[in-house]
Amino acid sequence: MTIELPGEQQAALAAEAHERGVSAEEYARQVLSQDLESGVKPRRHISEIIRENMSRVPPEIPAAMPKDGAR
């Protein structure tokens, strides 16, 4: 697998790896492994969360809300 990173991220990865005394590839492997093992879910965009929450709102509530938000 090849992962392309912007230059500043490559530099940060290399610097952190150097501090830890491992290659950039090994450090990336460690970080990914740790993240996968922790079970942390990736962050979702706020619009996804709002859409999900609004899907549970009864339709009569949004229908009664002002269309332009001015009231």
N, C-alpha and C. Protein backbone atom coordinates (compact mmCIF):
# COMPACT_ATOMS: atom_id res chain seq x y z
N MET A 1 0.85 -1.17 0.00
CA MET A 1 0.00 0.00 0.00
C MET A 1 0.89 1.23 0.00
N THR A 2 0.49 2.20 -0.77
CA THR A 2 1.21 3.46 -0.82
C THR A 2 0.27 4.56 -0.36
N ILE A 3 0.75 5.38 0.55
CA ILE A 3 -0.04 6.51 1.04
C ILE A 3 0.71 7.78 0.67
N GLU A 4 0.05 8.65 -0.07
CA GLU A 4 0.66 9.91 -0.47
C GLU A 4 0.30 10.97 0.57
N LEU A 5 1.29 11.68 1.05
CA LEU A 5 1.09 12.75 2.03
C LEU A 5 1.62 14.06 1.49
N PRO A 6 0.98 15.18 1.87
CA PRO A 6 1.53 16.48 1.49
C PRO A 6 2.92 16.64 2.11
N GLY A 7 3.72 17.49 1.51
CA GLY A 7 5.10 17.69 1.94
C GLY A 7 5.27 17.99 3.42
N GLU A 8 4.41 18.85 3.97
CA GLU A 8 4.55 19.20 5.39
C GLU A 8 4.22 18.01 6.30
N GLN A 9 3.30 17.15 5.88
CA GLN A 9 2.99 15.96 6.68
C GLN A 9 4.13 14.95 6.58
N GLN A 10 4.72 14.83 5.40
CA GLN A 10 5.87 13.93 5.23
C GLN A 10 7.01 14.37 6.14
N ALA A 11 7.26 15.68 6.17
CA ALA A 11 8.33 16.21 7.00
C ALA A 11 8.06 15.97 8.48
N ALA A 12 6.81 16.20 8.90
CA ALA A 12 6.45 15.98 10.30
C ALA A 12 6.58 14.51 10.67
N LEU A 13 6.15 13.64 9.78
CA LEU A 13 6.26 12.19 10.02
C LEU A 13 7.72 11.78 10.13
N ALA A 14 8.54 12.27 9.23
CA ALA A 14 9.96 11.93 9.25
C ALA A 14 10.63 12.45 10.52
N ALA A 15 10.28 13.67 10.93
CA ALA A 15 10.88 14.24 12.14
C ALA A 15 10.48 13.45 13.38
N GLU A 16 9.22 13.08 13.48
CA GLU A 16 8.75 12.31 14.63
C GLU A 16 9.39 10.92 14.65
N ALA A 17 9.49 10.31 13.47
CA ALA A 17 10.12 9.00 13.38
C ALA A 17 11.59 9.08 13.80
N HIS A 18 12.27 10.12 13.35
CA HIS A 18 13.68 10.30 13.70
C HIS A 18 13.85 10.44 15.22
N GLU A 19 12.95 11.22 15.84
CA GLU A 19 13.00 11.39 17.30
C GLU A 19 12.82 10.06 18.03
N ARG A 20 12.02 9.19 17.45
CA ARG A 20 11.74 7.89 18.08
C ARG A 20 12.75 6.82 17.67
N GLY A 21 13.63 7.16 16.74
CA GLY A 21 14.66 6.22 16.34
C GLY A 21 14.19 5.11 15.43
N VAL A 22 13.13 5.39 14.65
CA VAL A 22 12.62 4.39 13.70
C VAL A 22 12.47 5.06 12.34
N SER A 23 12.26 4.24 11.32
CA SER A 23 12.03 4.81 9.98
C SER A 23 10.64 5.43 9.93
N ALA A 24 10.45 6.30 8.94
CA ALA A 24 9.14 6.92 8.76
C ALA A 24 8.08 5.85 8.49
N GLU A 25 8.45 4.83 7.72
CA GLU A 25 7.52 3.75 7.41
C GLU A 25 7.11 3.00 8.67
N GLU A 26 8.10 2.70 9.52
CA GLU A 26 7.81 1.97 10.76
C GLU A 26 6.95 2.81 11.69
N TYR A 27 7.25 4.10 11.79
CA TYR A 27 6.46 4.96 12.66
C TYR A 27 5.02 5.05 12.15
N ALA A 28 4.82 5.21 10.84
CA ALA A 28 3.47 5.25 10.26
C ALA A 28 2.75 3.94 10.56
N ARG A 29 3.45 2.81 10.43
CA ARG A 29 2.87 1.50 10.74
C ARG A 29 2.41 1.44 12.19
N GLN A 30 3.25 1.94 13.10
CA GLN A 30 2.91 1.92 14.54
C GLN A 30 1.68 2.78 14.82
N VAL A 31 1.64 3.97 14.23
CA VAL A 31 0.51 4.87 14.45
C VAL A 31 -0.78 4.26 13.92
N LEU A 32 -0.74 3.72 12.72
CA LEU A 32 -1.93 3.10 12.14
C LEU A 32 -2.38 1.89 12.94
N SER A 33 -1.44 1.07 13.35
CA SER A 33 -1.76 -0.11 14.14
C SER A 33 -2.41 0.27 15.46
N GLN A 34 -1.85 1.26 16.12
CA GLN A 34 -2.39 1.74 17.40
C GLN A 34 -3.80 2.28 17.21
N ASP A 35 -4.03 3.03 16.16
CA ASP A 35 -5.34 3.59 15.89
C ASP A 35 -6.36 2.48 15.61
N LEU A 36 -5.97 1.51 14.80
CA LEU A 36 -6.89 0.42 14.47
C LEU A 36 -7.21 -0.44 15.69
N GLU A 37 -6.23 -0.66 16.55
CA GLU A 37 -6.44 -1.47 17.74
C GLU A 37 -7.30 -0.75 18.77
N SER A 38 -7.24 0.56 18.80
CA SER A 38 -7.99 1.32 19.81
C SER A 38 -9.49 1.33 19.51
N GLY A 39 -9.86 1.03 18.29
CA GLY A 39 -11.26 1.02 17.92
C GLY A 39 -11.84 2.41 17.75
N VAL A 40 -10.98 3.41 17.66
CA VAL A 40 -11.46 4.78 17.49
C VAL A 40 -12.07 4.91 16.10
N LYS A 41 -13.29 5.43 16.06
CA LYS A 41 -13.94 5.63 14.78
C LYS A 41 -13.47 6.94 14.18
N PRO A 42 -13.37 7.01 12.86
CA PRO A 42 -12.96 8.25 12.23
C PRO A 42 -13.99 9.35 12.50
N ARG A 43 -13.53 10.58 12.57
CA ARG A 43 -14.44 11.69 12.80
C ARG A 43 -15.34 11.89 11.61
N ARG A 44 -16.58 12.28 11.92
CA ARG A 44 -17.54 12.55 10.85
C ARG A 44 -17.73 14.05 10.75
N HIS A 45 -18.06 14.47 9.56
CA HIS A 45 -18.33 15.89 9.32
C HIS A 45 -19.61 16.26 10.04
N ILE A 46 -19.66 17.48 10.58
CA ILE A 46 -20.81 17.94 11.35
C ILE A 46 -22.10 17.86 10.54
N SER A 47 -22.02 18.08 9.23
CA SER A 47 -23.24 18.01 8.41
C SER A 47 -23.83 16.60 8.41
N GLU A 48 -22.98 15.57 8.47
CA GLU A 48 -23.48 14.19 8.54
C GLU A 48 -24.22 13.97 9.85
N ILE A 49 -23.68 14.48 10.93
CA ILE A 49 -24.29 14.31 12.24
C ILE A 49 -25.64 15.03 12.29
N ILE A 50 -25.68 16.26 11.76
CA ILE A 50 -26.93 17.03 11.75
C ILE A 50 -27.98 16.30 10.91
N ARG A 51 -27.59 15.83 9.72
CA ARG A 51 -28.52 15.10 8.86
C ARG A 51 -29.07 13.87 9.57
N GLU A 52 -28.19 13.14 10.23
CA GLU A 52 -28.62 11.93 10.95
C GLU A 52 -29.60 12.29 12.06
N ASN A 53 -29.28 13.33 12.83
CA ASN A 53 -30.17 13.75 13.92
C ASN A 53 -31.51 14.24 13.38
N MET A 54 -31.47 15.02 12.30
CA MET A 54 -32.71 15.55 11.74
C MET A 54 -33.59 14.46 11.14
N SER A 55 -33.01 13.35 10.74
CA SER A 55 -33.81 12.26 10.17
C SER A 55 -34.71 11.63 11.23
N ARG A 56 -34.40 11.86 12.50
CA ARG A 56 -35.22 11.30 13.58
C ARG A 56 -36.28 12.28 14.09
N VAL A 57 -36.28 13.50 13.55
CA VAL A 57 -37.25 14.52 13.97
C VAL A 57 -38.54 14.28 13.18
N PRO A 58 -39.68 14.26 13.87
CA PRO A 58 -40.95 14.09 13.14
C PRO A 58 -41.13 15.19 12.10
N PRO A 59 -41.66 14.86 10.92
CA PRO A 59 -41.76 15.82 9.81
C PRO A 59 -42.57 17.07 10.14
N GLU A 60 -43.52 16.98 11.06
CA GLU A 60 -44.34 18.15 11.37
C GLU A 60 -43.54 19.25 12.09
N ILE A 61 -42.47 18.89 12.76
CA ILE A 61 -41.67 19.90 13.46
C ILE A 61 -40.91 20.79 12.47
N PRO A 62 -40.13 20.23 11.53
CA PRO A 62 -39.47 21.12 10.56
C PRO A 62 -40.49 21.88 9.69
N ALA A 63 -41.67 21.26 9.43
CA ALA A 63 -42.68 21.94 8.61
C ALA A 63 -43.21 23.19 9.30
N ALA A 64 -43.20 23.20 10.64
CA ALA A 64 -43.71 24.35 11.39
C ALA A 64 -42.66 25.42 11.60
N MET A 65 -41.41 25.13 11.26
CA MET A 65 -40.33 26.10 11.47
C MET A 65 -40.36 27.16 10.37
N PRO A 66 -39.95 28.41 10.70
CA PRO A 66 -39.92 29.46 9.67
C PRO A 66 -38.96 29.06 8.54
N LYS A 67 -39.37 29.33 7.33
CA LYS A 67 -38.57 28.94 6.16
C LYS A 67 -37.29 29.76 6.05
N ASP A 68 -37.34 31.04 6.46
CA ASP A 68 -36.17 31.88 6.31
C ASP A 68 -35.43 32.11 7.63
N GLY A 69 -35.94 31.54 8.72
CA GLY A 69 -35.29 31.69 10.02
C GLY A 69 -35.46 33.06 10.65
N ALA A 70 -36.30 33.93 10.06
CA ALA A 70 -36.43 35.30 10.56
C ALA A 70 -37.40 35.42 11.73
N ARG A 71 -38.34 34.49 11.83
CA ARG A 71 -39.32 34.60 12.92
C ARG A 71 -38.79 34.07 14.22
